[in-house]
Structures are given as structure tokens and as C-alpha cells.
Amino acid sequence: MKTLRLLFITLLISSSLIAQDNEIKNYDYVYVDHIRSVRFHVDGLVLSNPIVNLDAGAQLKLSFDDLDADVKDYFYSIVHCDRNWNPSNLQEMEYLDGFNEERIQKYDFSFKTLWPYTHYTLTLPNRDMRWRLSGNYLLLVYDESNDRQLVITRRFVVVEQLVGISPRFLRANNVSKLRTHQEIDFNVAHKQLNIQNPQQEITATVMQNGRWRSAITGIEPKFIRPELMIFDYQDEIVFPGGKEFRFADLRSFRRVSFNVASVRQEQDSYLVEMKADNPRDKLAYTTFEDLNGKFIIETTDQNRGGSRQEDLALDQLYAEYADVSFALNTEKLPGYDVYIVGGFTDWALKDRYRLEYDPNLQAYATWIILKQGYYDYMYAAVPKPNNNRKKQDRNLNISLLEGDSHETINEYTIIIYYRPFGSRYDRAVGSVTFTSTLEP
């Protein structure tokens, strides 16, 4: 078995796994500061979650920038995991065809940008590697030229569509959550699977807006009918509704959007000042379209005239980087740190996404390096770390500054896992993604 997999398993079962940034984490994470704009989705569907069917022929696409602007030996490997994202008991030859440790060979240099960078892309599966089994997988990218330093981890799911999932969106059953939360029920038809003991062999995961770390997992069927499992719980599969995401439209540095205060060009970069935000916890719900927390890399400052897909591909090399300021007008929150969060932050608690309180401005403020594009974001209040609460153990409290509404349009994903008696791994046998308007 390869060294990387052995190292991963050893660290993952270690009690000190989450102590340092240089240790392997079994969730989406960027380990070095010079790696930016990491995106991982179904190829051709830039706003999709990294979930593909086993036999459909679709590919996943990973892309990222190296702000060192040189060429490094980035290698990748994947690890099959159980439904809880721990390494499964399978050997590589059981879940993979081909090689599981290959160099990322496709890269390009940015084109005439003030801030130079190298853009890397990887598609999976490819001619060197194909997965054979369904289930959860963890993608690892590391720098071979720098003592195999781990730089990126990303989760993805390979699914056998063997069950039919019928979701139902409804108001929360708990009266105290009626106006603030959203509840999900669903049925699972399994004519193609001969399930002997559904409540022992079947579990479900429900995820809101692609956020694995806030997903509800290990859900067992509540009622069993012939060839049908019913997941109908009261006050269990419930999520805070949140609000529609704030946005930073940075696609143009010439014609700025209404919530950008100013853009100025320095010798080697752009400085973008966003207009200050205000808390929304006491504001009524307002509807508008958002990306459900995701982001797109795009620039409208170039006139290329190609197709939408072709232009987006070129944007990865033409788009500029900028230092972008964010500010939240609010009194200081004792006992809390304030972070900006979204898909572009991996929903992670990193110092570069933490806002500092400025008593002169009476606001929390920070500067973040961002590439031209369109970004969804929110502000989260997070309890300060102490001796009993490590940094990554702290929960994101988005409700405190943003508020919640049952009317918010969120994206939900349901994944069904199947592990029959005697099996050595969890199969992913069905998934569906839908919005809270219930349009699967």
C-alpha cells in the first residue's frame, strides 16, 4: 500500500488529528497560503457539488491557483472512505483502476495580470485512474517538490443510482422554529435492491448548501413498507433557514457593482473597497437570487466573443487578483470572533478570514485576497477558543448576525448509503439535489 495512504490512515485515527494545519484533515481544506481559488465540481457544471454517478461518464474538475507563479510538482491521490469520512477497509486495487499517485500535468500561467499566478487543473477520472466502487472519497493534493507537503483536501461522492428519492420540504414541526427553520422529509423506493434489514443497512445524509460539516448524518428509516423506506421525523431533519447570501460582484474593475465603494490600481495589484455591511438578524426576509454560498471565477473586463463555457475557461487566466476590504457595522461582540464565510473560505476558521474590531470605525473589518469573480458570503460569530475548545471545534453561528427565515431558498442534497451485512464498505446508492422550493 502506498506511503500516502498509510500516512493518511495513521494520522486520521490519531487523537491529535485536528491540532495543526499541517496534519491531514478529512474535509475540504487548503493547507498553504499561496494556494487560492480552489474549485471542485462536475466538469461543465460550475455550481454543482462534487457528486457523480458511477457509470454515467461524468468527470469532476479540480482547479486552483498558485500565487508563487512558478511550476511545482503537484501530485494527487484519492482515498476511499466510509459514510463518516474515515478510510474504508479496502485496498487501493479494490476501488481503483490504474495508478493512485500521479502528477497534475495541466497548468498555465496567468496572462498579463498585475499579480502573476500559475493555474492548475485536474479532471477525474482520467486515463491514469478510474474508480471502481461507489461511496465517499477524499482527494489529496500535495507538493512532491517540497517534502510531499499536503496542500489541498477535497471530499467527493461517487453514486450508484439504484434507489428513487422523493423529498418533501415543509415548515418546521417545532413551534419555536416555525418561522426560522426548514424541515425535510423523504421517501426512498428500492425496487432494485433487496435490502434485508433497512434500519441496520441503510443510512441517509442531508446537507444544506453543500456544507458537509453542518450535514445531518446517520439518519435511519423510520418506517418500512414493501420496497419503500420512509424518513418522516419530527424536529430532527431540521436546518436553520438563514437568509439569502450577501454577494461581492468583482467581475469588473472598470464598471463596479453598486456595493463596491472604490477600486484603485496600485503598481502590482488592485485594491477594492466594499461598502460596509450591516447585521440582518432583525431585518425582515428579502428574496433575491444567490449562488447558495458558492462562487464563480469570471471577468467581464475582457472582450473575447466565445461561448460562455469558452470564456469562463479563459477567465481562469485573464482574471486579476485584488486585495478586497470587508466591513460589518456592529458593536463589539464579547466572547466571539467574527469571520466571513462561504464556499470560497471552505467554511473554515482561518485567520485570513477573521475580521478585527476597529473601535474608530465601530465595525469589524478585514482585507482578503480574491480573484475576479462573483462571491456569495455571510458573517459568522464564533465563540473564542479556550483551553477546552480548540479552534476547529468551534461552531459557526450565522444566525447571530444574519438571522433566519423559513422562506429562504436553500439547496439541499440527500445521499443514501447502503452497507449490507458482511460488506466491507458503504455504497452510495442514491442522491438527489433540490431547492427548498422543491424542484428536484
Protein backbone atom coordinates (compact mmCIF):
# COMPACT_ATOMS: atom_id res chain seq x y z
CA MET A 1 0.00 0.00 0.00
CA LYS A 2 1.35 3.41 -0.85
CA THR A 3 3.04 5.62 1.73
CA LEU A 4 0.48 8.40 1.40
CA ARG A 5 -2.44 6.13 2.25
CA LEU A 6 -0.62 4.69 5.26
CA LEU A 7 0.21 8.18 6.46
CA PHE A 8 -3.40 9.28 5.99
CA ILE A 9 -4.80 6.37 7.98
CA THR A 10 -2.26 6.78 10.77
CA LEU A 11 -2.97 10.48 11.18
CA LEU A 12 -6.72 10.15 10.81
CA ILE A 13 -7.01 7.79 13.77
CA SER A 14 -4.65 9.90 15.85
CA SER A 15 -6.22 11.79 18.73
CA SER A 16 -4.29 14.90 17.73
CA LEU A 17 -5.60 14.98 14.15
CA ILE A 18 -7.11 18.45 14.25
CA ALA A 19 -4.36 20.12 16.25
CA GLN A 20 -2.25 21.62 13.45
CA ASP A 21 -2.81 22.84 9.89
CA ASN A 22 -0.10 20.52 8.54
CA GLU A 23 -1.98 17.39 9.61
CA ILE A 24 -4.33 15.64 7.22
CA LYS A 25 -7.95 16.68 7.58
CA ASN A 26 -10.77 14.56 6.19
CA TYR A 27 -12.71 17.56 4.90
CA ASP A 28 -12.28 20.39 2.40
CA TYR A 29 -9.22 22.36 3.38
CA VAL A 30 -6.31 24.39 1.97
CA TYR A 31 -3.10 23.96 3.95
CA VAL A 32 -0.82 26.64 2.47
CA ASP A 33 -1.38 30.34 1.94
CA HIS A 34 -0.13 30.55 -1.66
CA ILE A 35 -2.90 28.23 -2.94
CA ARG A 36 -6.05 30.20 -3.78
CA SER A 37 -9.36 29.97 -5.73
CA VAL A 38 -9.78 26.22 -5.28
CA ARG A 39 -12.83 24.93 -7.12
CA PHE A 40 -14.09 21.34 -7.35
CA HIS A 41 -17.27 20.46 -9.24
CA VAL A 42 -18.73 18.33 -12.01
CA ASP A 43 -16.96 19.30 -15.23
CA GLY A 44 -19.15 21.72 -17.17
CA LEU A 45 -21.42 22.47 -14.18
CA VAL A 46 -19.60 25.20 -12.30
CA LEU A 47 -22.14 25.47 -9.47
CA SER A 48 -22.55 21.73 -8.85
CA ASN A 49 -21.49 19.72 -5.83
CA PRO A 50 -18.72 17.15 -6.47
CA ILE A 51 -21.10 14.20 -6.78
CA VAL A 52 -21.01 11.94 -9.86
CA ASN A 53 -22.72 8.75 -10.96
CA LEU A 54 -20.55 5.66 -11.10
CA ASP A 55 -21.39 4.69 -14.68
CA ALA A 56 -22.52 7.98 -16.22
CA GLY A 57 -19.16 9.03 -17.66
CA ALA A 58 -19.17 12.45 -15.99
CA GLN A 59 -15.91 13.89 -14.71
CA LEU A 60 -15.01 16.02 -11.74
CA LYS A 61 -12.82 19.07 -12.27
CA LEU A 62 -10.38 20.49 -9.74
CA SER A 63 -8.78 23.87 -10.37
CA PHE A 64 -6.61 26.13 -8.25
CA ASP A 65 -4.05 28.93 -8.47
CA ASP A 66 -0.53 29.05 -7.08
CA LEU A 67 0.34 32.64 -6.24
CA ASP A 68 4.04 31.79 -6.20
CA ALA A 69 3.65 31.83 -10.01
CA ASP A 70 6.18 29.05 -10.56
CA VAL A 71 5.85 25.40 -11.56
CA LYS A 72 5.69 22.83 -8.78
CA ASP A 73 5.36 19.05 -8.82
CA TYR A 74 1.80 18.74 -7.54
CA PHE A 75 0.69 15.11 -7.20
CA TYR A 76 -2.74 13.77 -6.33
CA SER A 77 -4.13 10.66 -4.69
CA ILE A 78 -7.60 9.54 -3.58
CA VAL A 79 -8.73 7.52 -0.57
CA HIS A 80 -11.99 5.58 -0.31
CA CYS A 81 -13.87 6.43 2.89
CA ASP A 82 -16.85 5.15 4.83
CA ARG A 83 -20.01 7.18 5.31
CA ASN A 84 -18.35 9.02 8.24
CA TRP A 85 -15.32 10.00 6.12
CA ASN A 86 -12.89 7.62 7.80
CA PRO A 87 -10.74 5.44 5.50
CA SER A 88 -12.59 2.28 4.48
CA ASN A 89 -11.11 -1.19 4.89
CA LEU A 90 -10.47 -1.57 1.18
CA GLN A 91 -7.16 -1.92 -0.62
CA GLU A 92 -6.47 0.52 -3.45
CA MET A 93 -6.74 -2.23 -6.06
CA GLU A 94 -10.29 -2.91 -4.91
CA TYR A 95 -11.63 0.59 -5.52
CA LEU A 96 -9.29 1.88 -8.26
CA ASP A 97 -8.22 1.00 -11.78
CA GLY A 98 -4.85 2.43 -12.73
CA PHE A 99 -2.47 4.47 -10.63
CA ASN A 100 -3.31 6.34 -7.46
CA GLU A 101 -0.36 8.70 -7.30
CA GLU A 102 0.06 10.86 -10.39
CA ARG A 103 1.35 14.31 -11.22
CA ILE A 104 -1.02 17.14 -12.15
CA GLN A 105 0.29 17.84 -15.61
CA LYS A 106 -2.04 20.56 -16.86
CA TYR A 107 -1.09 24.09 -15.87
CA ASP A 108 -0.99 27.54 -17.46
CA PHE A 109 0.41 30.91 -16.50
CA SER A 110 -1.82 33.93 -15.99
CA PHE A 111 -2.00 36.27 -18.97
CA LYS A 112 -0.75 39.84 -18.44
CA THR A 113 -2.11 40.11 -14.90
CA LEU A 114 -0.69 42.52 -12.34
CA TRP A 115 -0.50 39.69 -9.85
CA PRO A 116 1.04 36.67 -11.66
CA TYR A 117 -0.06 33.14 -10.80
CA THR A 118 0.01 29.60 -12.14
CA HIS A 119 -3.34 27.93 -12.78
CA TYR A 120 -3.61 24.14 -12.36
CA THR A 121 -6.45 21.87 -13.48
CA LEU A 122 -7.19 18.19 -12.95
CA THR A 123 -10.09 16.05 -14.20
CA LEU A 124 -11.18 12.79 -12.55
CA PRO A 125 -11.47 10.05 -13.60
CA ASN A 126 -8.82 10.15 -16.32
CA ARG A 127 -6.69 7.78 -18.38
CA ASP A 128 -4.38 7.15 -15.43
CA MET A 129 -7.02 6.47 -12.79
CA ARG A 130 -10.67 5.40 -12.56
CA TRP A 131 -12.73 4.47 -9.52
CA ARG A 132 -14.49 1.13 -9.47
CA LEU A 133 -16.82 1.46 -6.49
CA SER A 134 -19.36 3.95 -5.21
CA GLY A 135 -19.03 5.72 -1.88
CA ASN A 136 -17.24 8.64 -0.28
CA TYR A 137 -13.77 9.62 -1.49
CA LEU A 138 -11.16 12.09 -0.31
CA LEU A 139 -8.90 13.77 -2.86
CA LEU A 140 -5.45 14.78 -1.62
CA VAL A 141 -3.08 17.12 -3.47
CA TYR A 142 0.48 17.50 -2.24
CA ASP A 143 3.71 19.18 -3.31
CA GLU A 144 6.20 16.46 -4.19
CA SER A 145 8.99 19.02 -4.60
CA ASN A 146 8.53 20.23 -1.01
CA ASP A 147 8.78 17.04 1.07
CA ARG A 148 5.31 15.91 -0.02
CA GLN A 149 3.66 18.80 1.74
CA LEU A 150 -0.10 18.43 1.69
CA VAL A 151 -1.75 21.47 0.07
CA ILE A 152 -5.41 20.57 -0.62
CA THR A 153 -8.02 18.04 0.52
CA ARG A 154 -11.45 17.76 -1.10
CA ARG A 155 -14.43 15.47 -0.49
CA PHE A 156 -16.44 13.90 -3.31
CA VAL A 157 -19.05 11.18 -3.70
CA VAL A 158 -19.48 8.52 -6.39
CA VAL A 159 -23.07 7.27 -6.57
CA GLU A 160 -24.87 4.22 -7.96
CA GLN A 161 -28.35 5.47 -8.72
CA LEU A 162 -30.19 2.36 -7.52
CA VAL A 163 -32.92 3.98 -5.41
CA GLY A 164 -35.51 6.66 -6.04
CA ILE A 165 -35.63 9.56 -3.57
CA SER A 166 -38.79 11.65 -3.18
CA PRO A 167 -38.10 14.68 -0.93
CA ARG A 168 -40.70 16.80 0.79
CA PHE A 169 -39.98 20.29 2.08
CA LEU A 170 -42.13 21.63 4.92
CA ARG A 171 -42.27 24.12 7.76
CA ALA A 172 -40.60 23.02 10.98
CA ASN A 173 -42.86 20.99 13.26
CA ASN A 174 -41.47 22.63 16.39
CA VAL A 175 -43.48 25.81 17.03
CA SER A 176 -40.38 27.71 18.23
CA LYS A 177 -38.71 27.06 14.84
CA LEU A 178 -41.76 27.67 12.69
CA ARG A 179 -40.57 30.98 11.22
CA THR A 180 -36.83 30.34 11.27
CA HIS A 181 -36.13 26.73 10.24
CA GLN A 182 -36.75 24.32 7.39
CA GLU A 183 -37.59 20.62 7.71
CA ILE A 184 -37.01 17.84 5.19
CA ASP A 185 -38.87 14.52 4.90
CA PHE A 186 -38.33 11.99 2.14
CA ASN A 187 -39.20 8.51 0.90
CA VAL A 188 -36.78 6.05 -0.69
CA ALA A 189 -38.02 3.43 -3.18
CA HIS A 190 -35.61 0.50 -3.56
CA LYS A 191 -37.02 -1.93 -6.13
CA GLN A 192 -33.51 -2.64 -7.47
CA LEU A 193 -32.07 -3.51 -4.06
CA ASN A 194 -33.01 -6.50 -1.95
CA ILE A 195 -32.49 -4.92 1.45
CA GLN A 196 -32.85 -7.43 4.27
CA ASN A 197 -32.70 -5.10 7.26
CA PRO A 198 -33.21 -1.47 6.22
CA GLN A 199 -32.73 0.03 9.67
CA GLN A 200 -29.39 -1.74 10.02
CA GLU A 201 -28.14 -1.45 6.44
CA ILE A 202 -29.40 1.97 5.28
CA THR A 203 -28.49 5.46 6.47
CA ALA A 204 -29.03 8.87 4.91
CA THR A 205 -27.15 12.16 4.95
CA VAL A 206 -28.86 15.51 4.33
CA MET A 207 -26.71 18.52 3.51
CA GLN A 208 -27.62 22.20 3.14
CA ASN A 209 -25.85 24.32 0.51
CA GLY A 210 -23.00 21.83 0.09
CA ARG A 211 -21.79 22.22 3.69
CA TRP A 212 -20.60 18.82 4.85
CA ARG A 213 -19.64 19.95 8.34
CA SER A 214 -23.20 21.04 9.14
CA ALA A 215 -24.83 17.99 7.50
CA ILE A 216 -27.21 15.73 9.39
CA THR A 217 -25.84 12.21 9.11
CA GLY A 218 -26.63 8.65 10.15
CA ILE A 219 -30.39 9.01 9.58
CA GLU A 220 -32.14 5.62 9.65
CA PRO A 221 -35.51 4.85 8.04
CA LYS A 222 -38.34 5.46 10.45
CA PHE A 223 -41.00 3.37 8.71
CA ILE A 224 -40.62 0.38 6.41
CA ARG A 225 -43.06 -0.54 3.63
CA PRO A 226 -42.66 -3.11 0.83
CA GLU A 227 -39.86 -1.70 -1.37
CA LEU A 228 -40.22 1.67 0.35
CA MET A 229 -38.43 3.37 3.25
CA ILE A 230 -39.97 6.44 4.88
CA PHE A 231 -37.84 9.10 6.55
CA ASP A 232 -40.52 11.09 8.35
CA TYR A 233 -39.20 12.56 11.58
CA GLN A 234 -40.42 15.46 13.65
CA ASP A 235 -37.88 18.12 14.59
CA GLU A 236 -34.86 16.00 13.57
CA ILE A 237 -34.00 16.71 9.90
CA VAL A 238 -34.21 20.45 10.51
CA PHE A 239 -31.89 23.26 9.40
CA PRO A 240 -31.80 26.96 10.25
CA GLY A 241 -33.16 28.78 7.21
CA GLY A 242 -30.58 31.55 7.22
CA LYS A 243 -31.01 34.41 4.75
CA GLU A 244 -30.12 34.76 1.09
CA PHE A 245 -26.36 35.16 0.79
CA ARG A 246 -24.67 38.53 0.55
CA PHE A 247 -22.59 38.93 -2.58
CA ALA A 248 -19.43 40.59 -3.81
CA ASP A 249 -19.56 41.17 -7.57
CA LEU A 250 -15.90 41.56 -8.52
CA ARG A 251 -16.21 40.59 -12.16
CA SER A 252 -15.19 44.04 -13.37
CA PHE A 253 -12.72 46.56 -12.02
CA ARG A 254 -13.86 49.13 -14.61
CA ARG A 255 -17.62 49.13 -14.10
CA VAL A 256 -18.09 48.30 -10.43
CA SER A 257 -21.29 46.96 -8.89
CA PHE A 258 -23.43 49.00 -6.52
CA ASN A 259 -21.99 47.51 -3.31
CA VAL A 260 -18.37 48.27 -4.27
CA ALA A 261 -17.20 51.62 -2.87
CA SER A 262 -14.00 52.01 -4.86
CA VAL A 263 -11.38 50.28 -6.99
CA ARG A 264 -7.88 51.62 -7.41
CA GLN A 265 -4.87 50.18 -9.15
CA GLU A 266 -1.52 50.06 -7.45
CA GLN A 267 1.76 49.18 -9.10
CA ASP A 268 1.40 45.42 -8.65
CA SER A 269 -2.24 44.83 -7.64
CA TYR A 270 -5.76 46.20 -7.30
CA LEU A 271 -7.32 47.45 -4.08
CA VAL A 272 -11.09 47.02 -3.85
CA GLU A 273 -13.11 48.54 -1.02
CA MET A 274 -16.55 47.05 -0.47
CA LYS A 275 -19.29 49.18 1.07
CA ALA A 276 -19.78 48.36 4.74
CA ASP A 277 -22.46 45.80 5.60
CA ASN A 278 -24.96 45.84 8.46
CA PRO A 279 -26.29 42.94 10.57
CA ARG A 280 -29.51 41.40 9.25
CA ASP A 281 -30.68 39.44 12.28
CA LYS A 282 -33.51 41.91 13.00
CA LEU A 283 -34.41 42.59 9.36
CA ALA A 284 -37.34 41.01 7.54
CA TYR A 285 -36.58 38.41 4.88
CA THR A 286 -35.87 39.76 1.40
CA THR A 287 -35.80 37.47 -1.60
CA PHE A 288 -33.20 37.65 -4.36
CA GLU A 289 -31.23 35.14 -6.38
CA ASP A 290 -27.95 33.90 -4.98
CA LEU A 291 -25.47 31.07 -5.55
CA ASN A 292 -26.32 29.28 -2.29
CA GLY A 293 -22.90 30.07 -0.90
CA LYS A 294 -20.79 29.20 -3.94
CA PHE A 295 -18.55 31.37 -6.11
CA ILE A 296 -17.59 31.72 -9.78
CA ILE A 297 -14.31 32.95 -11.25
CA GLU A 298 -15.16 35.37 -14.07
CA THR A 299 -14.08 38.70 -15.52
CA THR A 300 -16.09 40.97 -17.79
CA ASP A 301 -13.15 43.30 -18.44
CA GLN A 302 -12.07 41.19 -21.42
CA ASN A 303 -13.99 41.03 -24.73
CA ARG A 304 -13.42 37.57 -26.17
CA GLY A 305 -16.63 36.74 -28.04
CA GLY A 306 -16.54 32.99 -27.45
CA SER A 307 -19.17 30.73 -25.93
CA ARG A 308 -19.99 31.06 -22.24
CA GLN A 309 -18.02 27.92 -21.46
CA GLU A 310 -15.01 29.05 -23.51
CA ASP A 311 -14.98 32.49 -21.93
CA LEU A 312 -15.14 31.07 -18.39
CA ALA A 313 -12.18 28.83 -19.21
CA LEU A 314 -10.13 31.81 -20.40
CA ASP A 315 -11.20 33.83 -17.37
CA GLN A 316 -9.16 31.49 -15.18
CA LEU A 317 -6.01 33.01 -16.77
CA TYR A 318 -7.19 36.57 -17.51
CA ALA A 319 -8.81 37.34 -14.14
CA GLU A 320 -6.90 39.64 -11.82
CA TYR A 321 -6.30 39.21 -8.10
CA ALA A 322 -7.09 42.03 -5.70
CA ASP A 323 -6.96 42.94 -2.03
CA VAL A 324 -10.61 43.32 -1.07
CA SER A 325 -11.83 45.01 2.12
CA PHE A 326 -14.95 43.92 4.00
CA ALA A 327 -16.53 45.66 6.99
CA LEU A 328 -19.51 44.91 9.23
CA ASN A 329 -21.01 47.82 11.18
CA THR A 330 -21.83 46.47 14.62
CA GLU A 331 -20.87 46.84 18.25
CA LYS A 332 -18.16 44.56 19.57
CA LEU A 333 -19.37 41.05 20.44
CA PRO A 334 -17.72 39.98 23.72
CA GLY A 335 -16.64 36.35 23.71
CA TYR A 336 -16.92 35.99 19.93
CA ASP A 337 -14.67 36.18 16.90
CA VAL A 338 -16.27 37.30 13.63
CA TYR A 339 -15.45 35.56 10.35
CA ILE A 340 -16.51 35.98 6.76
CA VAL A 341 -17.61 32.58 5.45
CA GLY A 342 -18.77 30.96 2.23
CA GLY A 343 -17.71 28.44 -0.36
CA PHE A 344 -14.55 30.41 -1.13
CA THR A 345 -13.42 30.05 2.52
CA ASP A 346 -14.27 26.32 2.66
CA TRP A 347 -16.40 27.42 5.64
CA ALA A 348 -13.13 27.14 7.57
CA LEU A 349 -11.96 29.12 10.60
CA LYS A 350 -8.77 30.62 9.21
CA ASP A 351 -7.04 33.75 10.39
CA ARG A 352 -7.14 35.28 6.93
CA TYR A 353 -10.96 35.26 7.03
CA ARG A 354 -11.28 36.69 10.56
CA LEU A 355 -12.37 40.30 10.97
CA GLU A 356 -10.79 42.52 13.62
CA TYR A 357 -12.84 45.05 15.56
CA ASP A 358 -11.92 48.67 14.85
CA PRO A 359 -13.26 50.95 17.62
CA ASN A 360 -12.75 54.03 15.44
CA LEU A 361 -14.97 52.61 12.71
CA GLN A 362 -17.22 50.82 15.21
CA ALA A 363 -17.06 47.88 12.84
CA TYR A 364 -15.36 44.58 12.23
CA ALA A 365 -13.07 44.80 9.20
CA THR A 366 -10.53 42.83 7.19
CA TRP A 367 -8.75 42.56 3.82
CA ILE A 368 -8.94 39.34 1.78
CA ILE A 369 -7.10 38.37 -1.41
CA LEU A 370 -9.71 37.42 -4.03
CA LYS A 371 -9.68 36.71 -7.74
CA GLN A 372 -12.12 38.46 -10.06
CA GLY A 373 -15.47 36.73 -9.88
CA TYR A 374 -18.81 36.59 -8.09
CA TYR A 375 -18.75 35.54 -4.43
CA ASP A 376 -21.52 34.62 -2.00
CA TYR A 377 -20.71 35.20 1.65
CA MET A 378 -22.09 35.68 5.16
CA TYR A 379 -20.78 36.80 8.53
CA ALA A 380 -20.45 34.25 11.33
CA ALA A 381 -19.95 34.80 15.04
CA VAL A 382 -17.74 32.11 16.54
CA PRO A 383 -17.03 31.53 20.26
CA LYS A 384 -13.44 32.43 21.07
CA PRO A 385 -11.11 29.46 21.60
CA ASN A 386 -10.16 28.45 25.12
CA ASN A 387 -8.38 25.59 26.85
CA ASN A 388 -11.37 23.29 26.37
CA ARG A 389 -12.40 24.40 22.89
CA LYS A 390 -9.95 24.11 20.03
CA LYS A 391 -10.16 26.38 17.02
CA GLN A 392 -11.69 23.90 14.57
CA ASP A 393 -14.14 22.60 17.22
CA ARG A 394 -15.99 25.90 17.37
CA ASN A 395 -19.39 26.16 15.74
CA LEU A 396 -20.24 28.81 13.18
CA ASN A 397 -23.17 30.88 14.43
CA ILE A 398 -24.51 32.53 11.30
CA SER A 399 -27.89 33.28 12.86
CA LEU A 400 -26.49 35.82 15.33
CA LEU A 401 -25.52 38.33 12.64
CA GLU A 402 -27.60 37.23 9.65
CA GLY A 403 -30.85 35.94 11.16
CA ASP A 404 -33.02 33.05 9.94
CA SER A 405 -36.15 32.74 7.83
CA HIS A 406 -38.17 29.72 6.79
CA GLU A 407 -38.71 31.44 3.42
CA THR A 408 -35.05 31.38 2.39
CA ILE A 409 -34.32 29.39 -0.77
CA ASN A 410 -31.61 26.89 0.14
CA GLU A 411 -30.16 23.94 -1.76
CA TYR A 412 -30.40 20.50 -0.15
CA THR A 413 -28.71 17.23 -1.06
CA ILE A 414 -29.77 13.79 0.16
CA ILE A 415 -27.36 10.84 -0.13
CA ILE A 416 -28.37 7.25 0.67
CA TYR A 417 -25.70 4.83 1.97
CA TYR A 418 -26.10 1.05 1.89
CA ARG A 419 -23.94 -1.43 3.78
CA PRO A 420 -25.41 -4.95 3.69
CA PHE A 421 -24.45 -7.48 6.33
CA GLY A 422 -20.93 -8.75 5.74
CA SER A 423 -19.90 -5.90 3.42
CA ARG A 424 -16.62 -4.06 3.99
CA TYR A 425 -17.61 -0.64 2.72
CA ASP A 426 -20.52 1.81 2.44
CA ARG A 427 -22.06 2.08 -1.01
CA ALA A 428 -23.67 5.34 -2.09
CA VAL A 429 -26.81 4.06 -3.82
CA GLY A 430 -28.71 7.27 -4.50
CA SER A 431 -28.60 11.03 -4.31
CA VAL A 432 -30.77 13.97 -5.20
CA THR A 433 -30.24 17.73 -5.02
CA PHE A 434 -33.16 20.17 -4.84
CA THR A 435 -34.02 23.60 -3.52
CA SER A 436 -36.43 24.48 -0.73
CA THR A 437 -38.94 25.39 -3.43
CA LEU A 438 -38.96 21.61 -4.03
CA GLU A 439 -37.86 21.45 -7.63
CA PRO A 440 -35.64 18.31 -7.75
